[in-house]
């Protein structure tokens, strides 16, 4: 039993050494996963900014007893913050490039 366990440990050790780091993200599947991750993050940043702005506007309108003026103002501010976040996400260099220059 111990001999079998020892041989399995050495086999696993050799398999770990042979596997390249980051090999699971190489190829088109890894690129697709990275693109989908960035897309979902951009969508949630934009939606989060708009929802947060609307919520703050509604609460401020209820507290001050105003018409939907603060809702409109904070909704616009939230949309601008969400768009700024999406812009900053899109303007970051990719992980595989140097100084933001695309790889050839």
PDB file of N, CA and C in Angstrom:
ATOM      1  N   UNK A   1       0.818  -1.185   0.000  1.00  0.00           N
ATOM      2  CA  UNK A   1       0.000   0.000   0.000  1.00  0.00           C
ATOM      3  C   UNK A   1       0.874   1.265   0.000  1.00  0.00           C
ATOM      4  N   UNK A   2       1.914   1.241   0.854  1.00  0.00           N
ATOM      5  CA  UNK A   2       2.793   2.416   0.919  1.00  0.00           C
ATOM      6  C   UNK A   2       3.584   2.594  -0.374  1.00  0.00           C
ATOM      7  N   UNK A   3       3.964   1.502  -0.985  1.00  0.00           N
ATOM      8  CA  UNK A   3       4.693   1.583  -2.255  1.00  0.00           C
ATOM      9  C   UNK A   3       3.801   2.186  -3.338  1.00  0.00           C
ATOM     10  N   UNK A   4       2.556   1.778  -3.366  1.00  0.00           N
ATOM     11  CA  UNK A   4       1.601   2.325  -4.346  1.00  0.00           C
ATOM     12  C   UNK A   4       1.379   3.814  -4.113  1.00  0.00           C
ATOM     13  N   UNK A   5       1.245   4.231  -2.844  1.00  0.00           N
ATOM     14  CA  UNK A   5       1.061   5.645  -2.505  1.00  0.00           C
ATOM     15  C   UNK A   5       2.289   6.459  -2.903  1.00  0.00           C
ATOM     16  N   UNK A   6       3.469   5.898  -2.687  1.00  0.00           N
ATOM     17  CA  UNK A   6       4.702   6.592  -3.074  1.00  0.00           C
ATOM     18  C   UNK A   6       4.803   6.772  -4.578  1.00  0.00           C
ATOM     19  N   UNK A   7       4.429   5.744  -5.332  1.00  0.00           N
ATOM     20  CA  UNK A   7       4.493   5.858  -6.793  1.00  0.00           C
ATOM     21  C   UNK A   7       3.469   6.865  -7.314  1.00  0.00           C
ATOM     22  N   UNK A   8       2.314   6.931  -6.679  1.00  0.00           N
ATOM     23  CA  UNK A   8       1.321   7.929  -7.086  1.00  0.00           C
ATOM     24  C   UNK A   8       1.804   9.343  -6.797  1.00  0.00           C
ATOM     25  N   UNK A   9       2.473   9.532  -5.665  1.00  0.00           N
ATOM     26  CA  UNK A   9       3.001  10.858  -5.332  1.00  0.00           C
ATOM     27  C   UNK A   9       4.063  11.301  -6.331  1.00  0.00           C
ATOM     28  N   UNK A  10       4.943  10.392  -6.715  1.00  0.00           N
ATOM     29  CA  UNK A  10       5.964  10.760  -7.697  1.00  0.00           C
ATOM     30  C   UNK A  10       5.341  11.034  -9.058  1.00  0.00           C
ATOM     31  N   UNK A  11       4.335  10.283  -9.425  1.00  0.00           N
ATOM     32  CA  UNK A  11       3.664  10.517 -10.712  1.00  0.00           C
ATOM     33  C   UNK A  11       2.969  11.874 -10.722  1.00  0.00           C
ATOM     34  N   UNK A  12       2.325  12.224  -9.609  1.00  0.00           N
ATOM     35  CA  UNK A  12       1.678  13.536  -9.527  1.00  0.00           C
ATOM     36  C   UNK A  12       2.706  14.654  -9.531  1.00  0.00           C
ATOM     37  N   UNK A  13       3.814  14.457  -8.871  1.00  0.00           N
ATOM     38  CA  UNK A  13       4.883  15.461  -8.858  1.00  0.00           C
ATOM     39  C   UNK A  13       5.431  15.711 -10.247  1.00  0.00           C
ATOM     40  N   UNK A  14       5.620  14.638 -11.021  1.00  0.00           N
ATOM     41  CA  UNK A  14       6.118  14.789 -12.380  1.00  0.00           C
ATOM     42  C   UNK A  14       5.079  15.466 -13.281  1.00  0.00           C
ATOM     43  N   UNK A  15       3.814  15.157 -13.064  1.00  0.00           N
ATOM     44  CA  UNK A  15       2.758  15.778 -13.871  1.00  0.00           C
ATOM     45  C   UNK A  15       2.683  17.272 -13.582  1.00  0.00           C
ATOM     46  N   UNK A  16       2.874  17.671 -12.326  1.00  0.00           N
ATOM     47  CA  UNK A  16       2.856  19.093 -11.984  1.00  0.00           C
ATOM     48  C   UNK A  16       4.040  19.831 -12.591  1.00  0.00           C
ATOM     49  N   UNK A  17       5.204  19.174 -12.648  1.00  0.00           N
ATOM     50  CA  UNK A  17       6.391  19.801 -13.232  1.00  0.00           C
ATOM     51  C   UNK A  17       6.242  19.957 -14.737  1.00  0.00           C
ATOM     52  N   UNK A  18       5.593  18.994 -15.386  1.00  0.00           N
ATOM     53  CA  UNK A  18       5.437  19.033 -16.839  1.00  0.00           C
ATOM     54  C   UNK A  18       4.391  20.050 -17.279  1.00  0.00           C
ATOM     55  N   UNK A  19       3.450  20.370 -16.411  1.00  0.00           N
ATOM     56  CA  UNK A  19       2.394  21.320 -16.769  1.00  0.00           C
ATOM     57  C   UNK A  19       2.941  22.735 -16.714  1.00  0.00           C
ATOM     58  N   UNK A  20       2.710  23.485 -17.770  1.00  0.00           N
ATOM     59  CA  UNK A  20       3.202  24.861 -17.839  1.00  0.00           C
ATOM     60  C   UNK A  20       2.273  25.772 -17.053  1.00  0.00           C
ATOM     61  N   UNK A  21       2.841  26.789 -16.359  1.00  0.00           N
ATOM     62  CA  UNK A  21       1.963  27.729 -15.659  1.00  0.00           C
ATOM     63  C   UNK A  21       1.167  28.566 -16.651  1.00  0.00           C
ATOM     64  N   UNK A  22      -0.097  28.729 -16.379  1.00  0.00           N
ATOM     65  CA  UNK A  22      -0.966  29.500 -17.260  1.00  0.00           C
ATOM     66  C   UNK A  22      -1.418  28.743 -18.479  1.00  0.00           C
ATOM     67  N   UNK A  23      -1.178  27.449 -18.519  1.00  0.00           N
ATOM     68  CA  UNK A  23      -1.563  26.665 -19.691  1.00  0.00           C
ATOM     69  C   UNK A  23      -3.071  26.569 -19.829  1.00  0.00           C
ATOM     70  N   UNK A  24      -3.795  26.688 -18.727  1.00  0.00           N
ATOM     71  CA  UNK A  24      -5.247  26.588 -18.801  1.00  0.00           C
ATOM     72  C   UNK A  24      -5.865  27.814 -19.464  1.00  0.00           C
ATOM     73  N   UNK A  25      -5.136  28.947 -19.489  1.00  0.00           N
ATOM     74  CA  UNK A  25      -5.679  30.151 -20.108  1.00  0.00           C
ATOM     75  C   UNK A  25      -5.115  30.374 -21.504  1.00  0.00           C
ATOM     76  N   UNK A  26      -4.268  29.489 -21.971  1.00  0.00           N
ATOM     77  CA  UNK A  26      -3.697  29.644 -23.299  1.00  0.00           C
ATOM     78  C   UNK A  26      -4.713  29.213 -24.339  1.00  0.00           C
ATOM     79  N   UNK A  27      -4.596  29.777 -25.506  1.00  0.00           N
ATOM     80  CA  UNK A  27      -5.477  29.380 -26.593  1.00  0.00           C
ATOM     81  C   UNK A  27      -6.751  30.193 -26.655  1.00  0.00           C
ATOM     82  N   UNK A  28      -7.625  29.833 -27.580  1.00  0.00           N
ATOM     83  CA  UNK A  28      -8.839  30.624 -27.787  1.00  0.00           C
ATOM     84  C   UNK A  28      -9.814  30.564 -26.621  1.00  0.00           C
ATOM     85  N   UNK A  29      -9.852  29.454 -25.879  1.00  0.00           N
ATOM     86  CA  UNK A  29     -10.776  29.365 -24.751  1.00  0.00           C
ATOM     87  C   UNK A  29     -10.404  30.352 -23.655  1.00  0.00           C
ATOM     88  N   UNK A  30      -9.115  30.500 -23.376  1.00  0.00           N
ATOM     89  CA  UNK A  30      -8.663  31.460 -22.375  1.00  0.00           C
ATOM     90  C   UNK A  30      -8.912  32.893 -22.808  1.00  0.00           C
ATOM     91  N   UNK A  31      -8.723  33.163 -24.093  1.00  0.00           N
ATOM     92  CA  UNK A  31      -8.968  34.507 -24.604  1.00  0.00           C
ATOM     93  C   UNK A  31     -10.458  34.839 -24.545  1.00  0.00           C
ATOM     94  N   UNK A  32     -11.288  33.857 -24.847  1.00  0.00           N
ATOM     95  CA  UNK A  32     -12.729  34.068 -24.783  1.00  0.00           C
ATOM     96  C   UNK A  32     -13.178  34.318 -23.347  1.00  0.00           C
ATOM     97  N   UNK A  33     -12.613  33.560 -22.419  1.00  0.00           N
ATOM     98  CA  UNK A  33     -12.969  33.743 -21.011  1.00  0.00           C
ATOM     99  C   UNK A  33     -12.547  35.118 -20.520  1.00  0.00           C
ATOM    100  N   UNK A  34     -11.378  35.591 -20.942  1.00  0.00           N
ATOM    101  CA  UNK A  34     -10.923  36.916 -20.548  1.00  0.00           C
ATOM    102  C   UNK A  34     -11.798  38.015 -21.139  1.00  0.00           C
ATOM    103  N   UNK A  35     -12.206  37.836 -22.381  1.00  0.00           N
ATOM    104  CA  UNK A  35     -13.061  38.827 -23.027  1.00  0.00           C
ATOM    105  C   UNK A  35     -14.444  38.858 -22.381  1.00  0.00           C
ATOM    106  N   UNK A  36     -14.973  37.691 -22.054  1.00  0.00           N
ATOM    107  CA  UNK A  36     -16.280  37.645 -21.399  1.00  0.00           C
ATOM    108  C   UNK A  36     -16.208  38.254 -20.005  1.00  0.00           C
ATOM    109  N   UNK A  37     -15.119  38.022 -19.312  1.00  0.00           N
ATOM    110  CA  UNK A  37     -14.941  38.599 -17.986  1.00  0.00           C
ATOM    111  C   UNK A  37     -14.917  40.118 -18.063  1.00  0.00           C
ATOM    112  N   UNK A  38     -14.182  40.653 -19.019  1.00  0.00           N
ATOM    113  CA  UNK A  38     -14.129  42.108 -19.183  1.00  0.00           C
ATOM    114  C   UNK A  38     -15.492  42.667 -19.584  1.00  0.00           C
ATOM    115  N   UNK A  39     -16.205  41.967 -20.430  1.00  0.00           N
ATOM    116  CA  UNK A  39     -17.530  42.423 -20.852  1.00  0.00           C
ATOM    117  C   UNK A  39     -18.527  42.441 -19.706  1.00  0.00           C
ATOM    118  N   UNK A  40     -18.529  41.382 -18.901  1.00  0.00           N
ATOM    119  CA  UNK A  40     -19.432  41.350 -17.750  1.00  0.00           C
ATOM    120  C   UNK A  40     -19.071  42.418 -16.729  1.00  0.00           C
ATOM    121  N   UNK A  41     -17.772  42.665 -16.554  1.00  0.00           N
ATOM    122  CA  UNK A  41     -17.364  43.707 -15.611  1.00  0.00           C
ATOM    123  C   UNK A  41     -17.812  45.075 -16.112  1.00  0.00           C
ATOM    124  N   UNK A  42     -17.659  45.334 -17.402  1.00  0.00           N
ATOM    125  CA  UNK A  42     -18.088  46.610 -17.956  1.00  0.00           C
ATOM    126  C   UNK A  42     -19.599  46.786 -17.795  1.00  0.00           C
ATOM    127  N   UNK A  43     -20.357  45.727 -18.045  1.00  0.00           N
ATOM    128  CA  UNK A  43     -21.811  45.818 -17.918  1.00  0.00           C
ATOM    129  C   UNK A  43     -22.235  46.059 -16.475  1.00  0.00           C
ATOM    130  N   UNK A  44     -21.600  45.381 -15.534  1.00  0.00           N
ATOM    131  CA  UNK A  44     -21.975  45.589 -14.133  1.00  0.00           C
ATOM    132  C   UNK A  44     -21.525  46.941 -13.618  1.00  0.00           C
ATOM    133  N   UNK A  45     -20.386  47.448 -14.095  1.00  0.00           N
ATOM    134  CA  UNK A  45     -19.960  48.791 -13.695  1.00  0.00           C
ATOM    135  C   UNK A  45     -20.946  49.848 -14.186  1.00  0.00           C
ATOM    136  N   UNK A  46     -21.382  49.714 -15.428  1.00  0.00           N
ATOM    137  CA  UNK A  46     -22.332  50.675 -15.983  1.00  0.00           C
ATOM    138  C   UNK A  46     -23.680  50.580 -15.277  1.00  0.00           C
ATOM    139  N   UNK A  47     -24.188  49.373 -15.119  1.00  0.00           N
ATOM    140  CA  UNK A  47     -25.483  49.192 -14.449  1.00  0.00           C
ATOM    141  C   UNK A  47     -25.413  49.614 -12.988  1.00  0.00           C
ATOM    142  N   UNK A  48     -24.311  49.314 -12.328  1.00  0.00           N
ATOM    143  CA  UNK A  48     -24.153  49.700 -10.929  1.00  0.00           C
ATOM    144  C   UNK A  48     -24.135  51.204 -10.740  1.00  0.00           C
ATOM    145  N   UNK A  49     -23.475  51.916 -11.631  1.00  0.00           N
ATOM    146  CA  UNK A  49     -23.464  53.380 -11.542  1.00  0.00           C
ATOM    147  C   UNK A  49     -24.843  53.971 -11.732  1.00  0.00           C
ATOM    148  N   UNK A  50     -25.574  53.462 -12.692  1.00  0.00           N
ATOM    149  CA  UNK A  50     -26.917  53.977 -12.955  1.00  0.00           C
ATOM    150  C   UNK A  50     -27.865  53.652 -11.805  1.00  0.00           C
ATOM    151  N   UNK A  51     -27.803  52.425 -11.297  1.00  0.00           N
ATOM    152  CA  UNK A  51     -28.692  52.025 -10.195  1.00  0.00           C
ATOM    153  C   UNK A  51     -28.366  52.803  -8.921  1.00  0.00           C
ATOM    154  N   UNK A  52     -27.072  52.964  -8.632  1.00  0.00           N
ATOM    155  CA  UNK A  52     -26.686  53.711  -7.433  1.00  0.00           C
ATOM    156  C   UNK A  52     -27.126  55.174  -7.538  1.00  0.00           C
ATOM    157  N   UNK A  53     -26.952  55.769  -8.704  1.00  0.00           N
ATOM    158  CA  UNK A  53     -27.384  57.157  -8.893  1.00  0.00           C
ATOM    159  C   UNK A  53     -28.890  57.303  -8.736  1.00  0.00           C
ATOM    160  N   UNK A  54     -29.641  56.372  -9.297  1.00  0.00           N
ATOM    161  CA  UNK A  54     -31.099  56.431  -9.181  1.00  0.00           C
ATOM    162  C   UNK A  54     -31.542  56.243  -7.736  1.00  0.00           C
ATOM    163  N   UNK A  55     -30.917  55.335  -7.024  1.00  0.00           N
ATOM    164  CA  UNK A  55     -31.275  55.094  -5.631  1.00  0.00           C
ATOM    165  C   UNK A  55     -30.980  56.316  -4.764  1.00  0.00           C
ATOM    166  N   UNK A  56     -29.824  56.914  -4.952  1.00  0.00           N
ATOM    167  CA  UNK A  56     -29.493  58.116  -4.192  1.00  0.00           C
ATOM    168  C   UNK A  56     -30.459  59.243  -4.528  1.00  0.00           C
ATOM    169  N   UNK A  57     -30.802  59.380  -5.808  1.00  0.00           N
ATOM    170  CA  UNK A  57     -31.740  60.431  -6.212  1.00  0.00           C
ATOM    171  C   UNK A  57     -33.124  60.242  -5.613  1.00  0.00           C
ATOM    172  N   UNK A  58     -33.627  59.011  -5.615  1.00  0.00           N
ATOM    173  CA  UNK A  58     -34.947  58.735  -5.044  1.00  0.00           C
ATOM    174  C   UNK A  58     -34.958  59.021  -3.548  1.00  0.00           C
ATOM    175  N   UNK A  59     -33.919  58.550  -2.849  1.00  0.00           N
ATOM    176  CA  UNK A  59     -33.856  58.786  -1.410  1.00  0.00           C
ATOM    177  C   UNK A  59     -33.715  60.267  -1.077  1.00  0.00           C
ATOM    178  N   UNK A  60     -32.943  60.995  -1.846  1.00  0.00           N
ATOM    179  CA  UNK A  60     -32.784  62.429  -1.611  1.00  0.00           C
ATOM    180  C   UNK A  60     -34.091  63.172  -1.902  1.00  0.00           C
ATOM    181  N   UNK A  61     -34.795  62.758  -2.938  1.00  0.00           N
ATOM    182  CA  UNK A  61     -36.090  63.377  -3.241  1.00  0.00           C
ATOM    183  C   UNK A  61     -37.101  63.132  -2.123  1.00  0.00           C
ATOM    184  N   UNK A  62     -37.138  61.932  -1.596  1.00  0.00           N
ATOM    185  CA  UNK A  62     -38.067  61.643  -0.491  1.00  0.00           C
ATOM    186  C   UNK A  62     -37.704  62.438   0.757  1.00  0.00           C
ATOM    187  N   UNK A  63     -36.420  62.544   1.044  1.00  0.00           N
ATOM    188  CA  UNK A  63     -35.970  63.220   2.253  1.00  0.00           C
ATOM    189  C   UNK A  63     -36.229  64.724   2.174  1.00  0.00           C
ATOM    190  N   UNK A  64     -35.972  65.319   1.007  1.00  0.00           N
ATOM    191  CA  UNK A  64     -36.146  66.762   0.851  1.00  0.00           C
ATOM    192  C   UNK A  64     -37.526  67.139   0.340  1.00  0.00           C
ATOM    193  N   UNK A  65     -38.296  66.178  -0.105  1.00  0.00           N
ATOM    194  CA  UNK A  65     -39.638  66.458  -0.585  1.00  0.00           C
ATOM    195  C   UNK A  65     -39.673  67.192  -1.916  1.00  0.00           C
ATOM    196  N   UNK A  66     -38.693  66.976  -2.727  1.00  0.00           N
ATOM    197  CA  UNK A  66     -38.651  67.643  -4.035  1.00  0.00           C
ATOM    198  C   UNK A  66     -39.266  66.746  -5.096  1.00  0.00           C
ATOM    199  N   UNK A  67     -39.464  67.337  -6.234  1.00  0.00           N
ATOM    200  CA  UNK A  67     -39.939  66.583  -7.395  1.00  0.00           C
ATOM    201  C   UNK A  67     -38.811  65.671  -7.866  1.00  0.00           C
ATOM    202  N   UNK A  68     -38.944  65.032  -9.001  1.00  0.00           N
ATOM    203  CA  UNK A  68     -37.875  64.112  -9.419  1.00  0.00           C
ATOM    204  C   UNK A  68     -36.609  64.814  -9.923  1.00  0.00           C
ATOM    205  N   UNK A  69     -36.374  66.053  -9.474  1.00  0.00           N
ATOM    206  CA  UNK A  69     -35.186  66.781  -9.934  1.00  0.00           C
ATOM    207  C   UNK A  69     -33.900  66.107  -9.476  1.00  0.00           C
ATOM    208  N   UNK A  70     -33.836  65.730  -8.212  1.00  0.00           N
ATOM    209  CA  UNK A  70     -32.620  65.082  -7.718  1.00  0.00           C
ATOM    210  C   UNK A  70     -32.450  63.686  -8.311  1.00  0.00           C
ATOM    211  N   UNK A  71     -33.557  63.011  -8.598  1.00  0.00           N
ATOM    212  CA  UNK A  71     -33.465  61.712  -9.259  1.00  0.00           C
ATOM    213  C   UNK A  71     -32.798  61.864 -10.620  1.00  0.00           C
ATOM    214  N   UNK A  72     -33.228  62.843 -11.372  1.00  0.00           N
ATOM    215  CA  UNK A  72     -32.663  63.064 -12.703  1.00  0.00           C
ATOM    216  C   UNK A  72     -31.190  63.446 -12.599  1.00  0.00           C
ATOM    217  N   UNK A  73     -30.865  64.334 -11.667  1.00  0.00           N
ATOM    218  CA  UNK A  73     -29.484  64.790 -11.508  1.00  0.00           C
ATOM    219  C   UNK A  73     -28.574  63.623 -11.125  1.00  0.00           C
ATOM    220  N   UNK A  74     -28.985  62.848 -10.107  1.00  0.00           N
ATOM    221  CA  UNK A  74     -28.137  61.744  -9.670  1.00  0.00           C
ATOM    222  C   UNK A  74     -28.126  60.597 -10.670  1.00  0.00           C
ATOM    223  N   UNK A  75     -29.178  60.439 -11.425  1.00  0.00           N
ATOM    224  CA  UNK A  75     -29.184  59.431 -12.481  1.00  0.00           C
ATOM    225  C   UNK A  75     -28.151  59.771 -13.549  1.00  0.00           C
ATOM    226  N   UNK A  76     -28.065  61.029 -13.909  1.00  0.00           N
ATOM    227  CA  UNK A  76     -27.064  61.466 -14.895  1.00  0.00           C
ATOM    228  C   UNK A  76     -25.657  61.311 -14.323  1.00  0.00           C
ATOM    229  N   UNK A  77     -25.476  61.685 -13.050  1.00  0.00           N
ATOM    230  CA  UNK A  77     -24.166  61.524 -12.421  1.00  0.00           C
ATOM    231  C   UNK A  77     -23.764  60.050 -12.359  1.00  0.00           C
ATOM    232  N   UNK A  78     -24.701  59.180 -12.013  1.00  0.00           N
ATOM    233  CA  UNK A  78     -24.419  57.740 -11.972  1.00  0.00           C
ATOM    234  C   UNK A  78     -24.083  57.182 -13.338  1.00  0.00           C
ATOM    235  N   UNK A  79     -24.783  57.636 -14.358  1.00  0.00           N
ATOM    236  CA  UNK A  79     -24.484  57.178 -15.719  1.00  0.00           C
ATOM    237  C   UNK A  79     -23.099  57.647 -16.153  1.00  0.00           C
ATOM    238  N   UNK A  80     -22.754  58.875 -15.812  1.00  0.00           N
ATOM    239  CA  UNK A  80     -21.425  59.384 -16.158  1.00  0.00           C
ATOM    240  C   UNK A  80     -20.332  58.600 -15.420  1.00  0.00           C
ATOM    241  N   UNK A  81     -20.574  58.276 -14.153  1.00  0.00           N
ATOM    242  CA  UNK A  81     -19.598  57.492 -13.398  1.00  0.00           C
ATOM    243  C   UNK A  81     -19.463  56.087 -13.978  1.00  0.00           C
ATOM    244  N   UNK A  82     -20.574  55.479 -14.374  1.00  0.00           N
ATOM    245  CA  UNK A  82     -20.520  54.155 -14.986  1.00  0.00           C
ATOM    246  C   UNK A  82     -19.798  54.161 -16.322  1.00  0.00           C
ATOM    247  N   UNK A  83     -20.065  55.168 -17.136  1.00  0.00           N
ATOM    248  CA  UNK A  83     -19.383  55.278 -18.425  1.00  0.00           C
ATOM    249  C   UNK A  83     -17.891  55.536 -18.250  1.00  0.00           C
ATOM    250  N   UNK A  84     -17.547  56.330 -17.239  1.00  0.00           N
ATOM    251  CA  UNK A  84     -16.130  56.586 -16.959  1.00  0.00           C
ATOM    252  C   UNK A  84     -15.426  55.294 -16.542  1.00  0.00           C
ATOM    253  N   UNK A  85     -16.097  54.491 -15.747  1.00  0.00           N
ATOM    254  CA  UNK A  85     -15.522  53.221 -15.323  1.00  0.00           C
ATOM    255  C   UNK A  85     -15.333  52.276 -16.509  1.00  0.00           C
ATOM    256  N   UNK A  86     -16.303  52.228 -17.398  1.00  0.00           N
ATOM    257  CA  UNK A  86     -16.194  51.391 -18.590  1.00  0.00           C
ATOM    258  C   UNK A  86     -15.073  51.894 -19.496  1.00  0.00           C
ATOM    259  N   UNK A  87     -14.939  53.197 -19.624  1.00  0.00           N
ATOM    260  CA  UNK A  87     -13.865  53.771 -20.439  1.00  0.00           C
ATOM    261  C   UNK A  87     -12.501  53.416 -19.857  1.00  0.00           C
ATOM    262  N   UNK A  88     -12.363  53.544 -18.547  1.00  0.00           N
ATOM    263  CA  UNK A  88     -11.093  53.221 -17.902  1.00  0.00           C
ATOM    264  C   UNK A  88     -10.771  51.736 -18.042  1.00  0.00           C
ATOM    265  N   UNK A  89     -11.789  50.883 -17.981  1.00  0.00           N
ATOM    266  CA  UNK A  89     -11.580  49.453 -18.166  1.00  0.00           C
ATOM    267  C   UNK A  89     -11.120  49.155 -19.597  1.00  0.00           C
ATOM    268  N   UNK A  90     -11.715  49.826 -20.554  1.00  0.00           N
ATOM    269  CA  UNK A  90     -11.353  49.589 -21.952  1.00  0.00           C
ATOM    270  C   UNK A  90     -10.032  50.195 -22.360  1.00  0.00           C
ATOM    271  N   UNK A  91      -9.565  51.207 -21.649  1.00  0.00           N
ATOM    272  CA  UNK A  91      -8.321  51.855 -22.038  1.00  0.00           C
ATOM    273  C   UNK A  91      -7.098  51.242 -21.377  1.00  0.00           C
ATOM    274  N   UNK A  92      -7.310  50.254 -20.488  1.00  0.00           N
ATOM    275  CA  UNK A  92      -6.163  49.579 -19.873  1.00  0.00           C
ATOM    276  C   UNK A  92      -5.471  48.708 -20.901  1.00  0.00           C
ATOM    277  N   UNK A  93      -4.144  48.609 -20.824  1.00  0.00           N
ATOM    278  CA  UNK A  93      -3.458  47.705 -21.753  1.00  0.00           C
ATOM    279  C   UNK A  93      -3.777  46.262 -21.417  1.00  0.00           C
ATOM    280  N   UNK A  94      -3.729  45.413 -22.431  1.00  0.00           N
ATOM    281  CA  UNK A  94      -4.007  44.002 -22.208  1.00  0.00           C
ATOM    282  C   UNK A  94      -2.833  43.359 -21.490  1.00  0.00           C
ATOM    283  N   UNK A  95      -3.061  42.223 -20.882  1.00  0.00           N
ATOM    284  CA  UNK A  95      -2.028  41.582 -20.077  1.00  0.00           C
ATOM    285  C   UNK A  95      -0.890  41.026 -20.935  1.00  0.00           C
ATOM    286  N   UNK A  96      -1.152  40.715 -22.171  1.00  0.00           N
ATOM    287  CA  UNK A  96      -0.114  40.126 -23.013  1.00  0.00           C
ATOM    288  C   UNK A  96       0.712  41.130 -23.782  1.00  0.00           C
ATOM    289  N   UNK A  97       0.431  42.412 -23.666  1.00  0.00           N
ATOM    290  CA  UNK A  97       1.155  43.406 -24.450  1.00  0.00           C
ATOM    291  C   UNK A  97       2.069  44.233 -23.559  1.00  0.00           C
ATOM    292  N   UNK A  98       3.055  44.854 -24.211  1.00  0.00           N
ATOM    293  CA  UNK A  98       3.995  45.696 -23.509  1.00  0.00           C
ATOM    294  C   UNK A  98       3.655  47.151 -23.783  1.00  0.00           C
ATOM    295  N   UNK A  99       3.505  47.945 -22.750  1.00  0.00           N
ATOM    296  CA  UNK A  99       3.222  49.376 -22.861  1.00  0.00           C
ATOM    297  C   UNK A  99       1.982  49.662 -23.702  1.00  0.00           C
ATOM    298  N   UNK A 100       1.028  48.769 -23.707  1.00  0.00           N
ATOM    299  CA  UNK A 100      -0.224  48.985 -24.407  1.00  0.00           C
ATOM    300  C   UNK A 100      -0.145  48.736 -25.903  1.00  0.00           C
ATOM    301  N   UNK A 101       1.021  48.363 -26.422  1.00  0.00           N
ATOM    302  CA  UNK A 101       1.143  48.113 -27.847  1.00  0.00           C
ATOM    303  C   UNK A 101       0.625  46.722 -28.172  1.00  0.00           C
ATOM    304  N   UNK A 102      -0.173  46.570 -29.216  1.00  0.00           N
ATOM    305  CA  UNK A 102      -0.691  45.246 -29.552  1.00  0.00           C
ATOM    306  C   UNK A 102       0.421  44.318 -30.012  1.00  0.00           C
ATOM    307  N   UNK A 103       0.249  43.033 -29.729  1.00  0.00           N
ATOM    308  CA  UNK A 103       1.224  42.032 -30.158  1.00  0.00           C
ATOM    309  C   UNK A 103       0.978  41.670 -31.612  1.00  0.00           C
ATOM    310  N   UNK A 104       2.036  41.477 -32.373  1.00  0.00           N
ATOM    311  CA  UNK A 104       1.925  41.060 -33.784  1.00  0.00           C
ATOM    312  C   UNK A 104       2.114  39.592 -33.930  1.00  0.00           C
TER     313      UNK A 104
END
